[in-house]
Amino acid sequence: MSSAIGAVLLTVSLATGVGASGKDAVPRSIIEAGLKKAQCTLPPRKAEVVGTEKLSAHLRIVEVSCWKTADNEGSILFAVPVERKELAQLVGVDRWRAGKVEHGYSVASPGYEAKTKTLSSTYKADGAGDCGTIQEMKWTGWHFELLNVWRKDKCDGEAFEWDSRDRWQVYPQQAAQPEPDEPVPSGSIQAAR
C-alpha cells in the first residue's frame, strides 16, 4: 500500500465534515475562550472551523485552527452537543512531550477515524517529512487518551509515514525482541514455548 493511501485510510481528515453549518458549529465566544486556554498563536480573527465529525449520536467533534508553522498546522477540538452548541467544550488531548505523557489541547495535523473514535496527529520536524512524531489517541468520553507514539529524530531522507513507522515506536515502549539468529537464553519464556 502506498504511504499516501495509508495516510488517507488511517487519518480521515475532519475537514470532510465542513458544510454550511460548519462555520457556526461552535459559538464564537467559546472558540475565542478555547484559543486562549490552549495558548494558540493564531489571532482569533484568523481561527476558523476546519471540520466537523460525528463523535456519538448526540455529540460532534469540531476542529478549529490554532497555530501554523512553515511545515505544520495545529488545531484545537471542541465536543459539541448536537442540539445545544452553546454547551460546547474544549477537548483535552494527551500528547508526548520530552519523553512523557502530558495533557494539552492542540493537535498537529489531526485526523479522525469515526469508526474507532481514534485521533491521529502527525508533526513533521522538517519540510521533507522524513522525521518527526506520529501520535495516536482514543476517545474516552471525556478526552483523547494517548495510545501510541512513534518518533524519528534523524532527518535522513528515509520515509517516516504511517506505513513505515513501526521501528520508531517510543510509547508504549515495546519489549526488545532478539534478532532472528540470536540464541534465546534457556531460562526465558520464549525458550519454554
N, C-alpha and C. Protein backbone atom coordinates (compact mmCIF):
# COMPACT_ATOMS: atom_id res chain seq x y z
N MET A 1 0.85 -1.17 0.00
CA MET A 1 0.00 0.00 0.00
C MET A 1 0.90 1.23 0.00
N SER A 2 0.60 2.22 -0.83
CA SER A 2 1.43 3.42 -0.86
C SER A 2 1.23 4.21 0.42
N SER A 3 2.25 5.00 0.77
CA SER A 3 2.16 5.77 2.02
C SER A 3 1.03 6.79 1.95
N ALA A 4 0.79 7.35 0.80
CA ALA A 4 -0.28 8.35 0.68
C ALA A 4 -1.64 7.72 0.94
N ILE A 5 -1.86 6.53 0.37
CA ILE A 5 -3.14 5.85 0.59
C ILE A 5 -3.27 5.42 2.04
N GLY A 6 -2.19 4.91 2.63
CA GLY A 6 -2.22 4.51 4.04
C GLY A 6 -2.55 5.67 4.94
N ALA A 7 -1.96 6.82 4.67
CA ALA A 7 -2.23 8.00 5.49
C ALA A 7 -3.69 8.42 5.38
N VAL A 8 -4.23 8.35 4.17
CA VAL A 8 -5.63 8.72 3.98
C VAL A 8 -6.54 7.75 4.72
N LEU A 9 -6.26 6.46 4.63
CA LEU A 9 -7.09 5.47 5.31
C LEU A 9 -7.02 5.60 6.82
N LEU A 10 -5.84 5.91 7.35
CA LEU A 10 -5.67 5.96 8.79
C LEU A 10 -6.05 7.31 9.39
N THR A 11 -5.95 8.36 8.62
CA THR A 11 -6.23 9.68 9.18
C THR A 11 -7.24 10.43 8.32
N VAL A 12 -8.48 10.02 8.42
CA VAL A 12 -9.55 10.68 7.70
C VAL A 12 -9.70 12.08 8.28
N SER A 13 -9.48 13.06 7.45
CA SER A 13 -9.49 14.44 7.92
C SER A 13 -10.86 14.88 8.38
N LEU A 14 -10.87 15.68 9.42
CA LEU A 14 -12.12 16.26 9.90
C LEU A 14 -12.71 17.22 8.87
N ALA A 15 -11.86 17.70 7.97
CA ALA A 15 -12.31 18.70 7.00
C ALA A 15 -13.43 18.17 6.12
N THR A 16 -13.56 16.87 5.98
CA THR A 16 -14.61 16.32 5.14
C THR A 16 -16.00 16.65 5.67
N GLY A 17 -16.09 17.00 6.94
CA GLY A 17 -17.39 17.27 7.53
C GLY A 17 -17.81 18.72 7.52
N VAL A 18 -17.01 19.61 6.93
CA VAL A 18 -17.37 21.02 6.94
C VAL A 18 -18.48 21.25 5.92
N GLY A 19 -19.52 21.85 6.36
CA GLY A 19 -20.64 22.17 5.48
C GLY A 19 -21.15 23.55 5.82
N ALA A 20 -22.32 23.83 5.40
CA ALA A 20 -22.91 25.14 5.67
C ALA A 20 -23.00 25.39 7.17
N SER A 21 -23.27 24.34 7.94
CA SER A 21 -23.39 24.52 9.39
C SER A 21 -22.03 24.51 10.09
N GLY A 22 -20.95 24.15 9.40
CA GLY A 22 -19.63 24.05 10.00
C GLY A 22 -19.12 25.37 10.56
N LYS A 23 -19.36 26.44 9.86
CA LYS A 23 -18.84 27.75 10.28
C LYS A 23 -19.47 28.24 11.58
N ASP A 24 -20.69 27.84 11.84
CA ASP A 24 -21.35 28.26 13.08
C ASP A 24 -21.55 27.07 14.04
N ALA A 25 -20.70 26.06 13.91
CA ALA A 25 -20.82 24.85 14.72
C ALA A 25 -20.54 25.10 16.20
N VAL A 26 -19.74 26.13 16.49
CA VAL A 26 -19.39 26.50 17.87
C VAL A 26 -19.55 28.01 17.99
N PRO A 27 -20.21 28.50 19.03
CA PRO A 27 -20.32 29.95 19.21
C PRO A 27 -18.93 30.61 19.26
N ARG A 28 -18.81 31.75 18.65
CA ARG A 28 -17.53 32.46 18.55
C ARG A 28 -16.90 32.72 19.92
N SER A 29 -17.70 33.05 20.92
CA SER A 29 -17.16 33.34 22.26
C SER A 29 -16.49 32.08 22.85
N ILE A 30 -17.04 30.91 22.57
CA ILE A 30 -16.47 29.66 23.07
C ILE A 30 -15.17 29.34 22.32
N ILE A 31 -15.16 29.60 21.02
CA ILE A 31 -13.94 29.41 20.23
C ILE A 31 -12.83 30.30 20.78
N GLU A 32 -13.13 31.56 21.00
CA GLU A 32 -12.11 32.50 21.48
C GLU A 32 -11.58 32.11 22.86
N ALA A 33 -12.46 31.65 23.75
CA ALA A 33 -12.02 31.19 25.07
C ALA A 33 -11.13 29.95 24.93
N GLY A 34 -11.46 29.05 24.01
CA GLY A 34 -10.65 27.86 23.77
C GLY A 34 -9.28 28.21 23.21
N LEU A 35 -9.23 29.17 22.29
CA LEU A 35 -7.96 29.62 21.73
C LEU A 35 -7.04 30.16 22.81
N LYS A 36 -7.63 30.91 23.73
CA LYS A 36 -6.85 31.49 24.83
C LYS A 36 -6.35 30.41 25.78
N LYS A 37 -7.23 29.50 26.18
CA LYS A 37 -6.86 28.45 27.13
C LYS A 37 -5.77 27.54 26.55
N ALA A 38 -5.86 27.26 25.25
CA ALA A 38 -4.89 26.39 24.59
C ALA A 38 -3.61 27.14 24.19
N GLN A 39 -3.58 28.44 24.43
CA GLN A 39 -2.44 29.29 24.09
C GLN A 39 -2.11 29.22 22.60
N CYS A 40 -3.15 29.30 21.78
CA CYS A 40 -2.98 29.28 20.33
C CYS A 40 -2.30 30.55 19.87
N THR A 41 -1.55 30.45 18.79
CA THR A 41 -0.82 31.62 18.28
C THR A 41 -1.53 32.32 17.13
N LEU A 42 -2.55 31.69 16.54
CA LEU A 42 -3.32 32.37 15.50
C LEU A 42 -4.19 33.43 16.16
N PRO A 43 -4.26 34.62 15.59
CA PRO A 43 -5.18 35.62 16.14
C PRO A 43 -6.62 35.10 16.02
N PRO A 44 -7.47 35.38 16.99
CA PRO A 44 -8.85 34.88 16.96
C PRO A 44 -9.57 35.15 15.64
N ARG A 45 -9.30 36.28 15.01
CA ARG A 45 -9.99 36.60 13.76
C ARG A 45 -9.57 35.67 12.61
N LYS A 46 -8.39 35.02 12.73
CA LYS A 46 -7.91 34.11 11.68
C LYS A 46 -8.24 32.65 11.98
N ALA A 47 -8.64 32.36 13.20
CA ALA A 47 -9.00 30.99 13.56
C ALA A 47 -10.35 30.66 12.93
N GLU A 48 -10.43 29.48 12.33
CA GLU A 48 -11.68 29.10 11.69
C GLU A 48 -11.98 27.63 11.89
N VAL A 49 -13.25 27.29 11.73
CA VAL A 49 -13.65 25.89 11.80
C VAL A 49 -13.09 25.19 10.57
N VAL A 50 -12.30 24.14 10.82
CA VAL A 50 -11.66 23.39 9.75
C VAL A 50 -12.52 22.20 9.35
N GLY A 51 -13.22 21.61 10.33
CA GLY A 51 -14.06 20.46 10.02
C GLY A 51 -14.88 20.00 11.20
N THR A 52 -15.85 19.16 10.92
CA THR A 52 -16.68 18.56 11.96
C THR A 52 -16.85 17.08 11.65
N GLU A 53 -17.10 16.31 12.68
CA GLU A 53 -17.28 14.87 12.52
C GLU A 53 -18.16 14.37 13.67
N LYS A 54 -18.93 13.34 13.41
CA LYS A 54 -19.79 12.75 14.44
C LYS A 54 -18.92 11.99 15.45
N LEU A 55 -19.10 12.30 16.72
CA LEU A 55 -18.38 11.62 17.80
C LEU A 55 -19.27 10.56 18.43
N SER A 56 -20.57 10.86 18.53
CA SER A 56 -21.58 9.91 19.01
C SER A 56 -22.92 10.39 18.48
N ALA A 57 -23.98 9.71 18.86
CA ALA A 57 -25.31 10.09 18.38
C ALA A 57 -25.69 11.51 18.79
N HIS A 58 -25.16 11.98 19.90
CA HIS A 58 -25.55 13.29 20.42
C HIS A 58 -24.40 14.28 20.50
N LEU A 59 -23.23 13.91 19.96
CA LEU A 59 -22.04 14.75 20.12
C LEU A 59 -21.25 14.80 18.83
N ARG A 60 -20.81 16.00 18.48
CA ARG A 60 -19.94 16.19 17.32
C ARG A 60 -18.60 16.71 17.81
N ILE A 61 -17.56 16.41 17.05
CA ILE A 61 -16.25 16.98 17.33
C ILE A 61 -16.02 18.05 16.26
N VAL A 62 -15.58 19.22 16.69
CA VAL A 62 -15.35 20.33 15.78
C VAL A 62 -13.89 20.74 15.89
N GLU A 63 -13.21 20.80 14.75
CA GLU A 63 -11.80 21.19 14.69
C GLU A 63 -11.70 22.67 14.33
N VAL A 64 -10.89 23.41 15.10
CA VAL A 64 -10.67 24.85 14.87
C VAL A 64 -9.17 25.08 14.77
N SER A 65 -8.76 25.85 13.76
CA SER A 65 -7.33 26.15 13.58
C SER A 65 -6.78 26.90 14.79
N CYS A 66 -5.52 26.58 15.17
CA CYS A 66 -4.92 27.11 16.39
C CYS A 66 -3.54 27.73 16.15
N TRP A 67 -2.71 27.06 15.37
CA TRP A 67 -1.35 27.56 15.10
C TRP A 67 -0.88 27.05 13.74
N LYS A 68 0.17 27.71 13.23
CA LYS A 68 0.69 27.36 11.91
C LYS A 68 2.17 27.69 11.87
N THR A 69 2.96 26.75 11.31
CA THR A 69 4.38 26.99 11.06
C THR A 69 4.61 26.73 9.57
N ALA A 70 5.87 26.82 9.14
CA ALA A 70 6.18 26.57 7.74
C ALA A 70 5.82 25.15 7.31
N ASP A 71 5.96 24.18 8.21
CA ASP A 71 5.77 22.77 7.84
C ASP A 71 4.56 22.10 8.48
N ASN A 72 3.92 22.72 9.45
CA ASN A 72 2.84 22.07 10.20
C ASN A 72 1.72 23.05 10.51
N GLU A 73 0.56 22.47 10.80
CA GLU A 73 -0.58 23.24 11.29
C GLU A 73 -1.17 22.50 12.47
N GLY A 74 -1.68 23.24 13.43
CA GLY A 74 -2.28 22.62 14.60
C GLY A 74 -3.68 23.13 14.82
N SER A 75 -4.46 22.34 15.52
CA SER A 75 -5.86 22.66 15.78
C SER A 75 -6.22 22.35 17.22
N ILE A 76 -7.32 22.92 17.65
CA ILE A 76 -7.95 22.53 18.91
C ILE A 76 -9.28 21.89 18.55
N LEU A 77 -9.81 21.11 19.47
CA LEU A 77 -11.04 20.37 19.21
C LEU A 77 -12.09 20.71 20.26
N PHE A 78 -13.32 20.76 19.82
CA PHE A 78 -14.44 21.01 20.73
C PHE A 78 -15.42 19.84 20.63
N ALA A 79 -15.94 19.40 21.77
CA ALA A 79 -17.03 18.44 21.81
C ALA A 79 -18.30 19.28 21.88
N VAL A 80 -19.19 19.09 20.91
CA VAL A 80 -20.36 19.94 20.78
C VAL A 80 -21.63 19.09 20.79
N PRO A 81 -22.50 19.29 21.79
CA PRO A 81 -23.79 18.59 21.77
C PRO A 81 -24.57 18.98 20.52
N VAL A 82 -25.14 18.01 19.84
CA VAL A 82 -25.82 18.25 18.57
C VAL A 82 -26.91 19.30 18.70
N GLU A 83 -27.71 19.24 19.72
CA GLU A 83 -28.84 20.16 19.87
C GLU A 83 -28.52 21.39 20.73
N ARG A 84 -27.32 21.45 21.34
CA ARG A 84 -27.03 22.56 22.26
C ARG A 84 -25.59 23.04 22.08
N LYS A 85 -25.30 23.65 20.94
CA LYS A 85 -23.92 24.06 20.65
C LYS A 85 -23.38 25.07 21.66
N GLU A 86 -24.25 25.75 22.38
CA GLU A 86 -23.79 26.71 23.40
C GLU A 86 -23.13 25.99 24.58
N LEU A 87 -23.23 24.65 24.63
CA LEU A 87 -22.59 23.87 25.69
C LEU A 87 -21.27 23.22 25.21
N ALA A 88 -20.79 23.67 24.06
CA ALA A 88 -19.54 23.14 23.50
C ALA A 88 -18.40 23.32 24.50
N GLN A 89 -17.50 22.30 24.54
CA GLN A 89 -16.36 22.37 25.45
C GLN A 89 -15.08 22.01 24.72
N LEU A 90 -14.01 22.70 25.10
CA LEU A 90 -12.68 22.41 24.59
C LEU A 90 -12.29 21.00 25.04
N VAL A 91 -11.78 20.20 24.12
CA VAL A 91 -11.42 18.81 24.41
C VAL A 91 -9.93 18.72 24.74
N GLY A 92 -9.61 18.03 25.83
CA GLY A 92 -8.22 17.78 26.18
C GLY A 92 -7.66 16.60 25.40
N VAL A 93 -6.37 16.65 25.15
CA VAL A 93 -5.68 15.55 24.47
C VAL A 93 -4.39 15.24 25.22
N ASP A 94 -4.12 13.94 25.36
CA ASP A 94 -2.81 13.54 25.88
C ASP A 94 -1.84 13.63 24.73
N ARG A 95 -0.60 14.04 25.02
CA ARG A 95 0.40 14.13 23.97
C ARG A 95 1.77 13.81 24.54
N TRP A 96 2.68 13.49 23.66
CA TRP A 96 4.03 13.10 24.03
C TRP A 96 4.93 14.33 23.97
N ARG A 97 5.54 14.67 25.11
CA ARG A 97 6.46 15.82 25.17
C ARG A 97 7.62 15.47 26.06
N ALA A 98 8.83 15.66 25.56
CA ALA A 98 10.05 15.46 26.34
C ALA A 98 10.07 14.09 27.04
N GLY A 99 9.63 13.06 26.34
CA GLY A 99 9.71 11.71 26.86
C GLY A 99 8.65 11.31 27.86
N LYS A 100 7.56 12.09 27.95
CA LYS A 100 6.49 11.71 28.87
C LYS A 100 5.14 12.17 28.33
N VAL A 101 4.08 11.59 28.90
CA VAL A 101 2.72 11.94 28.51
C VAL A 101 2.32 13.20 29.26
N GLU A 102 1.79 14.17 28.52
CA GLU A 102 1.34 15.45 29.07
C GLU A 102 -0.08 15.72 28.60
N HIS A 103 -0.83 16.46 29.39
CA HIS A 103 -2.17 16.87 28.98
C HIS A 103 -2.06 18.21 28.26
N GLY A 104 -2.79 18.35 27.18
CA GLY A 104 -2.78 19.61 26.43
C GLY A 104 -4.08 19.77 25.66
N TYR A 105 -4.05 20.67 24.69
CA TYR A 105 -5.26 20.94 23.92
C TYR A 105 -5.06 20.95 22.41
N SER A 106 -3.89 21.36 21.93
CA SER A 106 -3.71 21.43 20.48
C SER A 106 -3.14 20.14 19.92
N VAL A 107 -3.46 19.89 18.65
CA VAL A 107 -3.05 18.67 17.96
C VAL A 107 -2.48 19.06 16.61
N ALA A 108 -1.29 18.55 16.28
CA ALA A 108 -0.67 18.82 14.98
C ALA A 108 -1.34 17.96 13.91
N SER A 109 -1.72 18.57 12.82
CA SER A 109 -2.29 17.88 11.65
C SER A 109 -3.20 16.71 12.05
N PRO A 110 -4.31 17.00 12.73
CA PRO A 110 -5.16 15.90 13.21
C PRO A 110 -5.95 15.21 12.10
N GLY A 111 -6.21 13.95 12.34
CA GLY A 111 -7.11 13.16 11.51
C GLY A 111 -7.96 12.33 12.45
N TYR A 112 -9.20 12.10 12.10
CA TYR A 112 -10.11 11.38 12.99
C TYR A 112 -10.74 10.21 12.24
N GLU A 113 -10.71 9.04 12.85
CA GLU A 113 -11.34 7.85 12.32
C GLU A 113 -12.60 7.59 13.15
N ALA A 114 -13.76 7.94 12.61
CA ALA A 114 -15.01 7.86 13.35
C ALA A 114 -15.35 6.44 13.81
N LYS A 115 -15.06 5.45 12.99
CA LYS A 115 -15.41 4.06 13.32
C LYS A 115 -14.75 3.60 14.61
N THR A 116 -13.48 3.98 14.82
CA THR A 116 -12.74 3.56 16.01
C THR A 116 -12.62 4.66 17.07
N LYS A 117 -13.13 5.85 16.75
CA LYS A 117 -13.01 7.03 17.62
C LYS A 117 -11.55 7.28 17.98
N THR A 118 -10.71 7.18 16.96
CA THR A 118 -9.27 7.36 17.13
C THR A 118 -8.82 8.63 16.43
N LEU A 119 -8.01 9.40 17.12
CA LEU A 119 -7.45 10.63 16.60
C LEU A 119 -5.97 10.41 16.32
N SER A 120 -5.50 10.89 15.19
CA SER A 120 -4.07 10.79 14.88
C SER A 120 -3.50 12.20 14.77
N SER A 121 -2.21 12.28 14.97
CA SER A 121 -1.50 13.56 14.89
C SER A 121 -0.15 13.31 14.24
N THR A 122 0.18 14.11 13.25
CA THR A 122 1.47 13.97 12.58
C THR A 122 2.18 15.31 12.61
N TYR A 123 3.38 15.31 13.19
CA TYR A 123 4.20 16.53 13.27
C TYR A 123 5.49 16.27 12.50
N LYS A 124 5.72 17.07 11.46
CA LYS A 124 6.94 16.93 10.67
C LYS A 124 8.03 17.83 11.27
N ALA A 125 9.21 17.23 11.55
CA ALA A 125 10.31 18.02 12.10
C ALA A 125 11.03 18.81 11.01
N ASP A 126 10.82 18.44 9.76
CA ASP A 126 11.36 19.22 8.64
C ASP A 126 10.39 19.15 7.48
N GLY A 127 10.61 19.97 6.47
CA GLY A 127 9.70 20.04 5.33
C GLY A 127 9.59 18.75 4.55
N ALA A 128 10.64 17.93 4.55
CA ALA A 128 10.62 16.68 3.79
C ALA A 128 9.72 15.64 4.45
N GLY A 129 9.46 15.77 5.73
CA GLY A 129 8.61 14.81 6.43
C GLY A 129 9.28 13.48 6.68
N ASP A 130 10.62 13.46 6.66
CA ASP A 130 11.34 12.21 6.90
C ASP A 130 11.74 12.04 8.37
N CYS A 131 11.24 12.92 9.21
CA CYS A 131 11.46 12.81 10.65
C CYS A 131 10.33 13.58 11.34
N GLY A 132 10.11 13.26 12.62
CA GLY A 132 9.04 13.93 13.35
C GLY A 132 8.38 12.98 14.32
N THR A 133 7.11 13.26 14.62
CA THR A 133 6.37 12.48 15.60
C THR A 133 4.97 12.17 15.07
N ILE A 134 4.56 10.92 15.24
CA ILE A 134 3.20 10.48 14.90
C ILE A 134 2.59 9.98 16.21
N GLN A 135 1.38 10.46 16.50
CA GLN A 135 0.70 10.04 17.73
C GLN A 135 -0.70 9.52 17.39
N GLU A 136 -1.18 8.62 18.23
CA GLU A 136 -2.50 8.05 18.06
C GLU A 136 -3.20 8.10 19.42
N MET A 137 -4.44 8.61 19.44
CA MET A 137 -5.20 8.79 20.67
C MET A 137 -6.60 8.22 20.51
N LYS A 138 -7.20 7.80 21.61
CA LYS A 138 -8.54 7.20 21.61
C LYS A 138 -9.48 8.04 22.47
N TRP A 139 -10.69 8.26 21.98
CA TRP A 139 -11.72 9.00 22.71
C TRP A 139 -12.19 8.19 23.91
N THR A 140 -12.16 8.79 25.10
CA THR A 140 -12.57 8.11 26.33
C THR A 140 -13.98 8.48 26.76
N GLY A 141 -14.55 9.46 26.12
CA GLY A 141 -15.83 10.01 26.54
C GLY A 141 -15.65 11.37 27.17
N TRP A 142 -14.38 11.70 27.53
CA TRP A 142 -14.05 12.98 28.15
C TRP A 142 -12.90 13.68 27.45
N HIS A 143 -11.93 12.90 26.97
CA HIS A 143 -10.76 13.46 26.29
C HIS A 143 -10.14 12.39 25.39
N PHE A 144 -9.08 12.75 24.67
CA PHE A 144 -8.38 11.78 23.84
C PHE A 144 -7.15 11.31 24.60
N GLU A 145 -7.13 10.01 24.90
CA GLU A 145 -6.05 9.38 25.67
C GLU A 145 -4.98 8.83 24.72
N LEU A 146 -3.74 9.09 25.03
CA LEU A 146 -2.63 8.66 24.19
C LEU A 146 -2.51 7.14 24.17
N LEU A 147 -2.45 6.57 22.97
CA LEU A 147 -2.29 5.12 22.80
C LEU A 147 -0.88 4.76 22.35
N ASN A 148 -0.41 5.44 21.30
CA ASN A 148 0.87 5.11 20.68
C ASN A 148 1.59 6.37 20.22
N VAL A 149 2.92 6.30 20.28
CA VAL A 149 3.75 7.39 19.76
C VAL A 149 4.92 6.77 19.00
N TRP A 150 5.18 7.33 17.83
CA TRP A 150 6.35 6.96 17.05
C TRP A 150 7.13 8.24 16.83
N ARG A 151 8.45 8.17 17.02
CA ARG A 151 9.27 9.36 16.87
C ARG A 151 10.55 9.00 16.13
N LYS A 152 10.84 9.79 15.11
CA LYS A 152 12.07 9.62 14.34
C LYS A 152 12.81 10.94 14.38
N ASP A 153 13.96 10.95 15.03
CA ASP A 153 14.73 12.17 15.19
C ASP A 153 15.68 12.45 14.03
N LYS A 154 16.17 11.42 13.38
CA LYS A 154 17.16 11.59 12.33
C LYS A 154 16.48 11.91 10.99
N CYS A 155 16.73 13.09 10.49
CA CYS A 155 16.18 13.51 9.20
C CYS A 155 17.17 13.06 8.13
N ASP A 156 16.96 11.85 7.60
CA ASP A 156 17.95 11.21 6.74
C ASP A 156 17.43 10.86 5.35
N GLY A 157 16.26 11.32 4.99
CA GLY A 157 15.70 11.01 3.69
C GLY A 157 14.89 9.72 3.66
N GLU A 158 14.99 8.89 4.71
CA GLU A 158 14.21 7.66 4.80
C GLU A 158 12.78 8.01 5.25
N ALA A 159 11.81 7.47 4.55
CA ALA A 159 10.41 7.80 4.81
C ALA A 159 10.02 7.56 6.26
N PHE A 160 9.26 8.48 6.81
CA PHE A 160 8.65 8.34 8.14
C PHE A 160 7.18 8.66 7.98
N GLU A 161 6.40 7.63 7.66
CA GLU A 161 4.98 7.80 7.40
C GLU A 161 4.22 6.68 8.08
N TRP A 162 2.92 6.68 7.96
CA TRP A 162 2.09 5.69 8.64
C TRP A 162 2.50 4.27 8.33
N ASP A 163 2.85 3.98 7.08
CA ASP A 163 3.17 2.60 6.75
C ASP A 163 4.63 2.24 6.96
N SER A 164 5.42 3.14 7.52
CA SER A 164 6.84 2.84 7.77
C SER A 164 7.29 3.23 9.18
N ARG A 165 6.35 3.33 10.11
CA ARG A 165 6.65 3.92 11.41
C ARG A 165 7.02 2.91 12.50
N ASP A 166 6.75 1.64 12.33
CA ASP A 166 6.82 0.67 13.42
C ASP A 166 8.12 0.64 14.21
N ARG A 167 9.25 0.75 13.58
CA ARG A 167 10.51 0.61 14.33
C ARG A 167 10.86 1.84 15.17
N TRP A 168 10.07 2.88 15.07
CA TRP A 168 10.35 4.10 15.85
C TRP A 168 9.36 4.29 17.00
N GLN A 169 8.69 3.25 17.42
CA GLN A 169 7.71 3.38 18.50
C GLN A 169 8.42 3.69 19.81
N VAL A 170 7.97 4.77 20.48
CA VAL A 170 8.55 5.16 21.77
C VAL A 170 7.55 5.06 22.91
N TYR A 171 6.25 4.94 22.59
CA TYR A 171 5.23 4.80 23.63
C TYR A 171 4.07 3.99 23.09
N PRO A 172 3.55 3.00 23.80
CA PRO A 172 4.26 2.43 24.93
C PRO A 172 5.51 1.72 24.42
N GLN A 173 6.51 1.65 25.25
CA GLN A 173 7.76 1.05 24.81
C GLN A 173 7.55 -0.44 24.57
N GLN A 174 8.06 -0.89 23.46
CA GLN A 174 7.96 -2.30 23.10
C GLN A 174 9.14 -3.06 23.71
N ALA A 175 8.90 -4.28 24.12
CA ALA A 175 9.98 -5.12 24.64
C ALA A 175 10.94 -5.43 23.50
N ALA A 176 12.22 -5.40 23.78
CA ALA A 176 13.22 -5.70 22.76
C ALA A 176 13.08 -7.16 22.35
N GLN A 177 13.06 -7.40 21.07
CA GLN A 177 12.96 -8.75 20.53
C GLN A 177 14.35 -9.20 20.10
N PRO A 178 14.73 -10.47 20.38
CA PRO A 178 16.04 -10.95 19.94
C PRO A 178 16.10 -11.01 18.42
N GLU A 179 17.27 -10.79 17.87
CA GLU A 179 17.47 -10.91 16.43
C GLU A 179 17.19 -12.36 16.04
N PRO A 180 16.75 -12.62 14.81
CA PRO A 180 16.39 -13.98 14.40
C PRO A 180 17.49 -15.01 14.62
N ASP A 181 18.75 -14.66 14.44
CA ASP A 181 19.81 -15.64 14.60
C ASP A 181 20.51 -15.51 15.96
N GLU A 182 19.92 -14.74 16.86
CA GLU A 182 20.47 -14.59 18.20
C GLU A 182 19.91 -15.72 19.07
N PRO A 183 20.76 -16.46 19.81
CA PRO A 183 20.23 -17.56 20.64
C PRO A 183 19.33 -17.03 21.76
N VAL A 184 18.28 -17.78 22.05
CA VAL A 184 17.36 -17.45 23.12
C VAL A 184 17.86 -18.11 24.39
N PRO A 185 18.04 -17.33 25.48
CA PRO A 185 18.52 -17.93 26.74
C PRO A 185 17.59 -19.06 27.18
N SER A 186 18.17 -20.14 27.73
CA SER A 186 17.41 -21.34 28.07
C SER A 186 16.35 -21.09 29.13
N GLY A 187 16.51 -20.14 30.04
CA GLY A 187 15.53 -19.88 31.08
C GLY A 187 14.45 -18.89 30.68
N SER A 188 14.44 -18.45 29.43
CA SER A 188 13.48 -17.42 29.01
C SER A 188 12.12 -18.02 28.71
N ILE A 189 11.14 -17.17 28.66
CA ILE A 189 9.77 -17.58 28.34
C ILE A 189 9.73 -18.11 26.91
N GLN A 190 10.47 -17.46 25.98
CA GLN A 190 10.47 -17.90 24.60
C GLN A 190 11.03 -19.31 24.46
N ALA A 191 12.03 -19.68 25.26
CA ALA A 191 12.62 -21.00 25.18
C ALA A 191 11.64 -22.06 25.67
N ALA A 192 10.72 -21.66 26.56
CA ALA A 192 9.75 -22.60 27.12
C ALA A 192 8.64 -22.93 26.13
N ARG A 193 8.51 -22.19 25.08
CA ARG A 193 7.41 -22.40 24.09
C ARG A 193 7.66 -23.61 23.26
